[in-house]
Structure formats: structure tokens, C-alpha cells
């Protein structure tokens, strides 16, 4: 069975194909490092880790880029409020993010470019868009992308511009009729600015990801991914920028992950209903248990996060650990029914994962097999066979590790 993946761009599941045979070029939107990431953010990052691991399991070479947003309104505002330098804020929370992904056993991307380290490339991209006629300079000296110049603007989100509205000030309300900023001119009293041929200023949010994607992955990307809230305006806008430079199609698949919920509402800092990984660890839960809860729901459905689910995850992981360390109960080779059970579980797991990463069905087969094997009287050879199968599939799940 071929791997099928839902494509937000076409609104359907498609057989997964790449621009280059055997290689996946993957761009995922990383954290904005103005605060600690919470488990709602990590729902997205764990789902993307599952996708990356599955692609590698299928034999693909994955080149994965995840940006670190350390220049935007949130980071600048946080630094002002704390009366410290921007780097003081962003370095602290970037370190916390990398510590948390290690605790959650999220595989490292090949590249983690920081926006602040690529300002010149972002300014150059804005210049190129001006030269090609896709952008204009407003009276404020900000550079804006003209969405009406993008032939297929709106095909990702369904939001298309209705008429031209020439922006004259910096605005952050992304009405579908408005253009968006590529370069924001430095205002009096502002100190987070860089010199460029466009004047002193800083890049807009969307040009950051576009420039980094083009810089690290080139003119074709197989997968672009993020939370569902990034479909518009961020992914619509960054796609328009990349295609204005590189041509179409720029992204083969868009993969978006549904929000994590807490008591039926989106977990978010705005609603103050979030939990960080550190807070959960202080309550006595392990990162493994958090990872398992975040894995259990299909990425295209909302997932409720509860402490009861963490308790159930603890019991499941205990069963897994006990089976992996179980001593043999008898001598002998591998019985036919044990070999058949292993093959049946692997087949169900692989079939489910090939169907748009149906990890719920895959995990159901995995846990049923664990229960069945714990009740069987296994020989030494059978234990080796069972352990090999579980650890092989754990290359996808990432549950067998020690974090304390």
C-alpha cells in the first residue's frame, strides 16, 4: 500500500510523491521564542516528528528545516516590557525549546535557522519582489507585497482579495483584501532595526519563512507544515512570496495539524489555559507520558489533553517496558501463532500509518499485541522476535527512551 497524505492545498488525500526521487524536503514553522512553548505547541511538533519518522521508516532521506522566529512583534514587545535586549529574551526561550524537544524525543531537524541571522537575505528577497513588480513602497516607507499580483493567491486558504487596498501604514489585521508587509521601516525610538538597501527596518513575518525556505531548501519543497491557524495568513502569504520567486508549484504538500484542547477549548496563552512541559513534569508525569498522549490522536482531529490521559499513558508505557524486559518462561523456538501475531501487528500498523498517518489505528494494533504477548508464555527466541518488532516500530513512535 502506497503512503497517502492529506494535502491542504488540494483538500484530499493523495499518494505521496516528491520532486526528487528518494528525498523529502520539508519545512516546518517553529516556535516564536518570546515565552516557553506549551504542550499545545508541542502537539504540532510531535505530529511533525511522527511524519518525519514515518518518511524515514519508508526509506526516504529527509532534509528538514524548522525556523526559529526571534524577530517579530511578540519578541520585541517582550524585550521592551522586560527592559532587556532582544537577544536576552530569545536566547533564553530558544534554549528552553531545544531542551523540551529533547525531553519529548523529537528528532532534530537538519537545520534550525534563526530569523535574526538571515536579515540580509530577507531584505534581498523584498528587493527582488520589488524589482519583479510584486511589491510596492508605501508612503510610510514600508514595503508591501501586492496580493493582486499573485495569480493564484487564495488557493490554499480560499481567501482571495476582492479589490486593491493600497496599505499606507503598518497593520497587523490580515483582512483578505489587504496587502502585507515585507519590510517594516524603522520608526523613531525603535532600536530593533537593520540596515539594508530598503532603509533601516526589519522583515515582516511572512518574508522570514519564505526567505529561509528558499535559502535552505531551494526552489521546490515537498512538505510545508504547521498548526491549522497558519493556513491563513501565514502559509498563504509565504507561499505567494516563494512562487513569485521560484515559480509554481513551490510546495507539493501542505500538512496542517489541529489544535490541542483543554476542557474543550483550544490550549493557548491568550485563554490562559495552557500547561508547559516543565509544569507537567513538576506534577509527577514524565515526558514519555506526554509524548504518548500527544501521539494518540490523528493530526487532522482536535485532541483533548487531560491528566487522566497521562495516567492511562503511564499504564501503557509500563506494560511496554515490562514486555521488553520480560524473561523467557520456557525453552524452544518460535511458534507459528507467535510469528503470525507479529506479522499481523506489523501489517496493521504499517497499513494504518500509510493511510494519512492513522496513528490511532496503528497504536491500537500495537497495544493489543503487547497485551496478547504479555499473556503468552514466551520462549527466549519468541521474546527476541517480539522485542525486535516493537523496537523496529518504535523508530516511528519514539516511546522507548529514558528521560527521568
Protein backbone atom coordinates (compact mmCIF):
# COMPACT_ATOMS: atom_id res chain seq x y z
CA UNK A 1 0.00 0.00 0.00
CA UNK A 2 1.36 3.39 -1.01
CA UNK A 3 1.65 6.15 1.54
CA UNK A 4 -1.27 8.58 1.25
CA UNK A 5 -1.19 12.00 2.88
CA UNK A 6 -3.87 14.67 3.14
CA UNK A 7 -2.91 17.79 1.22
CA UNK A 8 -4.43 21.06 2.44
CA UNK A 9 -3.64 22.54 -0.96
CA UNK A 10 -5.91 20.11 -2.84
CA UNK A 11 -8.25 19.23 0.07
CA UNK A 12 -7.83 15.49 -0.41
CA UNK A 13 -5.63 12.53 0.41
CA UNK A 14 -3.04 11.87 -2.27
CA UNK A 15 -0.37 9.27 -2.90
CA UNK A 16 2.78 10.86 -1.54
CA UNK A 17 5.30 11.85 -4.19
CA UNK A 18 8.38 14.07 -4.09
CA UNK A 19 10.11 16.42 -6.50
CA UNK A 20 13.35 14.44 -6.13
CA UNK A 21 13.24 10.66 -6.03
CA UNK A 22 14.00 9.27 -2.58
CA UNK A 23 14.37 12.67 -0.91
CA UNK A 24 11.89 14.74 1.10
CA UNK A 25 12.48 18.45 1.54
CA UNK A 26 10.39 19.53 4.50
CA UNK A 27 9.83 22.97 6.03
CA UNK A 28 8.02 23.34 9.35
CA UNK A 29 7.22 26.55 11.17
CA UNK A 30 8.99 26.54 14.50
CA UNK A 31 8.44 28.44 17.75
CA UNK A 32 8.33 32.16 18.36
CA UNK A 33 10.80 32.40 21.21
CA UNK A 34 9.15 35.09 23.34
CA UNK A 35 8.00 32.65 26.03
CA UNK A 36 8.04 28.96 26.96
CA UNK A 37 6.32 26.70 24.43
CA UNK A 38 3.31 24.84 25.89
CA UNK A 39 2.05 21.34 25.19
CA UNK A 40 -0.43 22.74 22.67
CA UNK A 41 2.54 23.89 20.60
CA UNK A 42 4.20 20.52 21.08
CA UNK A 43 1.13 18.71 19.75
CA UNK A 44 2.12 20.17 16.37
CA UNK A 45 5.81 19.42 16.76
CA UNK A 46 5.17 15.81 17.86
CA UNK A 47 2.83 15.25 14.90
CA UNK A 48 5.50 16.59 12.56
CA UNK A 49 8.06 14.34 14.25
CA UNK A 50 5.78 11.37 13.58
CA UNK A 51 5.58 12.36 9.90
CA UNK A 52 9.35 12.76 9.68
CA UNK A 53 9.94 9.42 11.39
CA UNK A 54 7.45 7.65 9.11
CA UNK A 55 9.10 9.07 5.98
CA UNK A 56 12.47 7.85 7.25
CA UNK A 57 10.96 4.45 8.08
CA UNK A 58 9.76 4.24 4.46
CA UNK A 59 13.32 4.82 3.31
CA UNK A 60 13.27 8.49 2.36
CA UNK A 61 16.18 10.80 3.03
CA UNK A 62 14.63 13.76 4.86
CA UNK A 63 16.06 17.27 4.76
CA UNK A 64 14.08 19.11 7.42
CA UNK A 65 14.20 22.83 8.16
CA UNK A 66 12.45 24.36 11.18
CA UNK A 67 12.79 28.11 11.61
CA UNK A 68 13.15 29.89 14.93
CA UNK A 69 11.24 33.19 14.98
CA UNK A 70 13.28 35.54 17.13
CA UNK A 71 12.30 38.78 15.37
CA UNK A 72 8.62 39.77 15.43
CA UNK A 73 6.16 41.91 17.36
CA UNK A 74 5.91 39.44 20.24
CA UNK A 75 9.63 39.10 20.86
CA UNK A 76 10.22 42.83 20.53
CA UNK A 77 7.35 43.67 22.87
CA UNK A 78 8.53 41.15 25.47
CA UNK A 79 12.04 42.63 25.44
CA UNK A 80 10.66 46.15 25.85
CA UNK A 81 8.44 45.10 28.72
CA UNK A 82 11.34 43.38 30.50
CA UNK A 83 13.70 46.25 29.63
CA UNK A 84 16.33 43.91 28.28
CA UNK A 85 17.90 43.30 24.88
CA UNK A 86 16.04 41.22 22.30
CA UNK A 87 18.71 38.52 22.38
CA UNK A 88 18.33 38.18 26.16
CA UNK A 89 14.71 37.12 25.65
CA UNK A 90 15.09 34.99 22.55
CA UNK A 91 18.18 33.08 23.68
CA UNK A 92 16.52 32.07 26.95
CA UNK A 93 13.37 30.68 25.33
CA UNK A 94 15.21 29.09 22.42
CA UNK A 95 17.31 27.11 24.90
CA UNK A 96 14.12 26.05 26.70
CA UNK A 97 12.58 24.91 23.41
CA UNK A 98 15.55 22.74 22.48
CA UNK A 99 15.60 21.26 25.98
CA UNK A 100 11.90 20.37 25.68
CA UNK A 101 12.17 18.73 22.26
CA UNK A 102 14.99 16.59 23.63
CA UNK A 103 12.82 15.55 26.57
CA UNK A 104 9.98 14.67 24.19
CA UNK A 105 12.33 12.64 21.99
CA UNK A 106 11.58 14.76 18.94
CA UNK A 107 14.18 14.08 16.27
CA UNK A 108 16.37 17.05 15.43
CA UNK A 109 15.80 18.80 12.12
CA UNK A 110 18.78 19.18 9.84
CA UNK A 111 18.59 22.98 10.13
CA UNK A 112 17.22 25.42 12.72
CA UNK A 113 17.79 28.85 11.16
CA UNK A 114 17.16 31.86 13.40
CA UNK A 115 15.42 34.73 11.65
CA UNK A 116 17.82 37.28 13.15
CA UNK A 117 20.77 35.57 11.46
CA UNK A 118 19.29 35.92 7.96
CA UNK A 119 18.04 39.52 7.85
CA UNK A 120 20.08 40.41 4.77
CA UNK A 121 18.51 37.53 2.81
CA UNK A 122 15.05 38.68 3.83
CA UNK A 123 15.77 42.25 2.73
CA UNK A 124 17.16 40.93 -0.56
CA UNK A 125 14.00 38.90 -1.12
CA UNK A 126 11.88 42.03 -0.60
CA UNK A 127 14.11 43.87 -3.09
CA UNK A 128 13.70 41.12 -5.69
CA UNK A 129 9.93 41.23 -5.31
CA UNK A 130 10.03 44.99 -5.84
CA UNK A 131 12.11 44.53 -8.99
CA UNK A 132 9.73 41.89 -10.32
CA UNK A 133 6.72 44.15 -9.74
CA UNK A 134 5.13 42.09 -6.97
CA UNK A 135 5.69 44.70 -4.27
CA UNK A 136 5.40 48.44 -3.70
CA UNK A 137 6.73 51.03 -1.28
CA UNK A 138 4.06 52.76 0.79
CA UNK A 139 4.14 56.36 1.99
CA UNK A 140 5.41 55.04 5.34
CA UNK A 141 8.45 53.59 3.50
CA UNK A 142 7.28 50.09 4.38
CA UNK A 143 7.47 47.57 1.55
CA UNK A 144 4.28 45.65 0.87
CA UNK A 145 3.50 42.62 -1.25
CA UNK A 146 0.66 43.27 -3.67
CA UNK A 147 -1.59 40.23 -3.32
CA UNK A 148 -3.37 41.12 -6.56
CA UNK A 149 -0.16 40.38 -8.45
CA UNK A 150 -0.14 36.76 -7.24
CA UNK A 151 -2.11 34.84 -9.84
CA UNK A 152 -3.26 32.02 -7.57
CA UNK A 153 -3.42 33.84 -4.25
CA UNK A 154 -6.06 32.20 -2.06
CA UNK A 155 -5.96 28.66 -3.41
CA UNK A 156 -4.60 27.30 -0.11
CA UNK A 157 -6.99 29.08 2.26
CA UNK A 158 -9.86 30.00 -0.04
CA UNK A 159 -9.41 33.67 0.89
CA UNK A 160 -8.98 35.77 -2.24
CA UNK A 161 -8.56 39.57 -2.49
CA UNK A 162 -11.74 41.35 -3.55
CA UNK A 163 -10.24 44.67 -4.50
CA UNK A 164 -6.98 46.55 -4.28
CA UNK A 165 -6.43 48.33 -0.98
CA UNK A 166 -3.13 50.15 -1.01
CA UNK A 167 -1.80 49.98 2.53
CA UNK A 168 -0.20 53.18 3.81
CA UNK A 169 0.55 52.18 7.38
CA UNK A 170 1.84 49.09 9.13
CA UNK A 171 -1.17 46.98 10.05
CA UNK A 172 -1.48 43.54 11.54
CA UNK A 173 -5.13 42.80 10.82
CA UNK A 174 -4.86 40.41 7.90
CA UNK A 175 -8.13 41.10 6.10
CA UNK A 176 -8.24 39.14 2.84
CA UNK A 177 -8.37 42.44 0.89
CA UNK A 178 -5.14 43.86 2.34
CA UNK A 179 -1.57 43.60 1.21
CA UNK A 180 1.05 42.55 3.72
CA UNK A 181 4.39 43.90 4.85
CA UNK A 182 7.69 42.55 3.57
CA UNK A 183 9.90 45.18 5.17
CA UNK A 184 8.84 47.44 8.05
CA UNK A 185 10.68 50.76 8.14
CA UNK A 186 12.26 51.71 11.44
CA UNK A 187 10.19 54.24 13.40
CA UNK A 188 11.53 56.93 15.69
CA UNK A 189 12.55 55.43 19.02
CA UNK A 190 12.77 51.88 17.74
CA UNK A 191 16.05 50.07 18.21
CA UNK A 192 15.35 46.63 16.68
CA UNK A 193 16.33 47.61 13.14
CA UNK A 194 18.83 46.57 10.49
CA UNK A 195 20.44 48.49 7.66
CA UNK A 196 19.50 47.49 4.11
CA UNK A 197 19.10 48.91 0.63
CA UNK A 198 15.46 49.46 1.62
CA UNK A 199 16.48 51.64 4.54
CA UNK A 200 16.65 50.79 8.22
CA UNK A 201 13.96 48.36 9.27
CA UNK A 202 13.08 44.75 9.95
CA UNK A 203 11.42 41.95 7.98
CA UNK A 204 7.74 41.08 8.09
CA UNK A 205 6.71 37.69 9.45
CA UNK A 206 5.83 36.04 6.14
CA UNK A 207 9.01 37.04 4.34
CA UNK A 208 11.03 35.39 7.12
CA UNK A 209 9.78 31.87 6.35
CA UNK A 210 9.84 32.45 2.60
CA UNK A 211 13.48 33.57 2.66
CA UNK A 212 14.56 30.71 4.92
CA UNK A 213 12.73 28.10 2.88
CA UNK A 214 14.31 29.34 -0.36
CA UNK A 215 17.72 29.59 1.29
CA UNK A 216 17.85 26.10 2.79
CA UNK A 217 15.59 24.02 0.53
CA UNK A 218 15.79 25.73 -2.84
CA UNK A 219 13.03 26.29 -5.35
CA UNK A 220 10.95 23.21 -4.60
CA UNK A 221 9.62 21.94 -1.24
CA UNK A 222 7.85 18.61 -0.80
CA UNK A 223 6.14 19.35 2.54
CA UNK A 224 5.33 22.57 4.37
CA UNK A 225 3.67 22.12 7.73
CA UNK A 226 2.33 23.93 10.78
CA UNK A 227 -0.69 24.29 13.01
CA UNK A 228 -4.09 24.81 11.41
CA UNK A 229 -4.05 28.50 12.38
CA UNK A 230 -1.15 29.08 9.98
CA UNK A 231 -3.13 28.28 6.84
CA UNK A 232 -4.10 31.95 6.64
CA UNK A 233 -2.49 34.34 6.56
CA UNK A 234 0.97 32.90 7.11
CA UNK A 235 1.16 29.95 4.75
CA UNK A 236 -0.96 31.62 2.09
CA UNK A 237 1.33 34.63 2.14
CA UNK A 238 4.67 32.84 2.37
CA UNK A 239 3.58 30.54 -0.49
CA UNK A 240 2.75 33.58 -2.63
CA UNK A 241 6.23 35.01 -1.99
CA UNK A 242 8.04 31.78 -2.83
CA UNK A 243 6.06 31.22 -6.00
CA UNK A 244 6.66 34.80 -7.10
CA UNK A 245 10.40 33.99 -6.96
CA UNK A 246 10.64 30.30 -7.77
CA UNK A 247 7.55 29.69 -9.88
CA UNK A 248 4.79 27.14 -9.41
CA UNK A 249 4.34 24.70 -7.87
CA UNK A 250 6.61 25.57 -4.95
CA UNK A 251 5.12 23.28 -2.26
CA UNK A 252 3.93 19.76 -3.15
CA UNK A 253 2.05 19.02 0.11
CA UNK A 254 0.77 21.27 2.87
CA UNK A 255 0.17 19.40 6.14
CA UNK A 256 -1.71 21.16 8.95
CA UNK A 257 -2.25 19.90 12.49
CA UNK A 258 -5.40 20.53 14.50
CA UNK A 259 -5.24 22.27 17.86
CA UNK A 260 -4.79 20.63 21.23
CA UNK A 261 -7.76 21.26 23.51
CA UNK A 262 -8.02 21.71 27.26
CA UNK A 263 -11.56 21.05 28.53
CA UNK A 264 -12.91 21.52 25.03
CA UNK A 265 -11.17 24.82 24.26
CA UNK A 266 -8.02 25.48 22.29
CA UNK A 267 -4.99 25.48 24.59
CA UNK A 268 -3.45 28.93 24.23
CA UNK A 269 -1.68 31.67 26.11
CA UNK A 270 -4.48 34.08 25.18
CA UNK A 271 -7.02 31.98 27.06
CA UNK A 272 -4.54 31.28 29.88
CA UNK A 273 -5.47 27.60 29.80
CA UNK A 274 -2.10 26.19 28.86
CA UNK A 275 0.48 23.93 30.51
CA UNK A 276 4.19 23.88 29.78
CA UNK A 277 6.14 20.66 29.73
CA UNK A 278 8.04 21.78 32.82
CA UNK A 279 4.80 22.31 34.75
CA UNK A 280 3.57 18.84 33.86
CA UNK A 281 6.86 17.24 34.89
CA UNK A 282 6.58 19.01 38.26
CA UNK A 283 3.21 17.30 38.73
CA UNK A 284 4.99 13.95 38.58
CA UNK A 285 4.46 12.97 34.93
CA UNK A 286 7.23 12.01 32.54
CA UNK A 287 7.95 13.44 29.08
CA UNK A 288 7.32 9.94 27.68
CA UNK A 289 3.78 10.05 29.00
CA UNK A 290 3.25 13.49 27.49
CA UNK A 291 4.62 12.30 24.15
CA UNK A 292 2.28 9.31 24.12
CA UNK A 293 -0.78 11.46 24.85
CA UNK A 294 0.19 13.89 22.07
CA UNK A 295 0.71 10.98 19.67
CA UNK A 296 -2.61 9.28 20.32
CA UNK A 297 -4.92 11.49 18.28
CA UNK A 298 -4.98 11.76 14.50
CA UNK A 299 -3.31 15.00 13.46
CA UNK A 300 -6.39 16.17 11.50
CA UNK A 301 -8.67 15.96 14.52
CA UNK A 302 -8.64 18.04 17.67
CA UNK A 303 -7.13 16.26 20.66
CA UNK A 304 -8.23 16.80 24.25
CA UNK A 305 -5.39 16.85 26.75
CA UNK A 306 -6.21 15.64 30.27
CA UNK A 307 -4.31 14.37 33.28
CA UNK A 308 -6.44 11.22 33.14
CA UNK A 309 -4.95 10.51 29.71
CA UNK A 310 -1.49 10.92 31.19
CA UNK A 311 -2.39 8.33 33.85
CA UNK A 312 -3.53 5.89 31.15
CA UNK A 313 -0.37 6.59 29.16
CA UNK A 314 1.69 5.69 32.23
CA UNK A 315 -0.03 2.30 32.45
CA UNK A 316 0.51 1.61 28.75
CA UNK A 317 4.18 2.51 28.89
CA UNK A 318 4.62 0.32 31.96
CA UNK A 319 3.17 -2.60 30.01
CA UNK A 320 5.52 -1.89 27.11
CA UNK A 321 8.56 -1.70 29.38
CA UNK A 322 7.65 -4.90 31.19
CA UNK A 323 7.29 -6.81 27.93
CA UNK A 324 10.61 -5.52 26.62
CA UNK A 325 12.36 -6.68 29.81
CA UNK A 326 10.36 -9.90 30.30
CA UNK A 327 12.46 -13.03 30.91
CA UNK A 328 11.64 -16.20 28.93
CA UNK A 329 9.18 -18.63 30.53
CA UNK A 330 10.12 -21.69 28.52
CA UNK A 331 12.64 -23.09 26.09
CA UNK A 332 12.03 -23.75 22.41
CA UNK A 333 11.86 -21.90 19.12
CA UNK A 334 9.23 -19.56 17.69
CA UNK A 335 5.72 -20.96 17.46
CA UNK A 336 3.68 -20.32 14.34
CA UNK A 337 0.99 -18.42 16.20
CA UNK A 338 3.55 -16.03 17.71
CA UNK A 339 5.16 -15.35 14.34
CA UNK A 340 1.69 -14.81 12.85
CA UNK A 341 0.77 -12.39 15.64
CA UNK A 342 3.94 -10.37 14.98
CA UNK A 343 3.27 -10.25 11.25
CA UNK A 344 -0.39 -9.32 11.80
CA UNK A 345 0.51 -6.47 14.13
CA UNK A 346 3.18 -5.10 11.79
CA UNK A 347 0.84 -5.31 8.83
CA UNK A 348 -1.94 -3.45 10.66
CA UNK A 349 0.50 -0.83 11.91
CA UNK A 350 2.05 -0.16 8.50
CA UNK A 351 -1.30 -0.13 6.72
CA UNK A 352 -2.67 2.40 9.21
CA UNK A 353 0.35 4.70 9.02
CA UNK A 354 0.26 4.61 5.23
CA UNK A 355 -3.32 5.88 5.43
CA UNK A 356 -2.59 9.53 6.24
CA UNK A 357 -0.65 8.72 9.43
CA UNK A 358 -3.58 6.97 11.15
CA UNK A 359 -1.63 6.60 14.37
CA UNK A 360 -4.77 5.83 16.40
CA UNK A 361 -5.31 2.57 14.48
CA UNK A 362 -1.58 1.85 14.46
CA UNK A 363 -1.34 2.26 18.24
CA UNK A 364 -4.44 0.13 18.75
CA UNK A 365 -2.71 -2.74 16.95
CA UNK A 366 0.48 -2.06 18.93
CA UNK A 367 -1.17 -2.15 22.37
CA UNK A 368 -3.37 -5.15 21.54
CA UNK A 369 -0.24 -7.03 20.53
CA UNK A 370 1.51 -6.06 23.78
CA UNK A 371 -1.44 -7.34 25.82
CA UNK A 372 -1.52 -10.57 23.84
CA UNK A 373 2.22 -11.20 24.22
CA UNK A 374 2.24 -10.45 27.94
CA UNK A 375 -0.33 -13.20 28.41
CA UNK A 376 1.59 -15.73 26.30
CA UNK A 377 4.31 -17.96 27.72
CA UNK A 378 7.16 -16.82 25.50
CA UNK A 379 10.41 -18.64 24.80
CA UNK A 380 13.74 -16.83 24.55
CA UNK A 381 13.54 -16.83 20.74
CA UNK A 382 9.97 -15.55 20.83
CA UNK A 383 10.91 -12.74 23.20
CA UNK A 384 13.70 -11.72 20.81
CA UNK A 385 11.23 -11.74 17.90
CA UNK A 386 8.66 -9.69 19.82
CA UNK A 387 11.26 -7.24 21.10
CA UNK A 388 12.68 -6.76 17.61
CA UNK A 389 9.24 -5.97 16.19
CA UNK A 390 8.39 -3.48 18.94
CA UNK A 391 11.73 -1.68 18.76
CA UNK A 392 11.59 -1.57 14.97
CA UNK A 393 8.22 0.21 15.08
CA UNK A 394 9.44 2.42 17.89
CA UNK A 395 11.64 4.09 15.27
CA UNK A 396 8.31 5.64 14.28
CA UNK A 397 6.72 6.13 17.72
CA UNK A 398 9.76 7.21 19.70
CA UNK A 399 8.46 5.88 23.04
CA UNK A 400 11.41 3.78 24.20
CA UNK A 401 13.80 6.21 25.83
CA UNK A 402 14.80 7.44 29.27
CA UNK A 403 14.11 10.99 30.40
CA UNK A 404 13.54 10.53 34.12
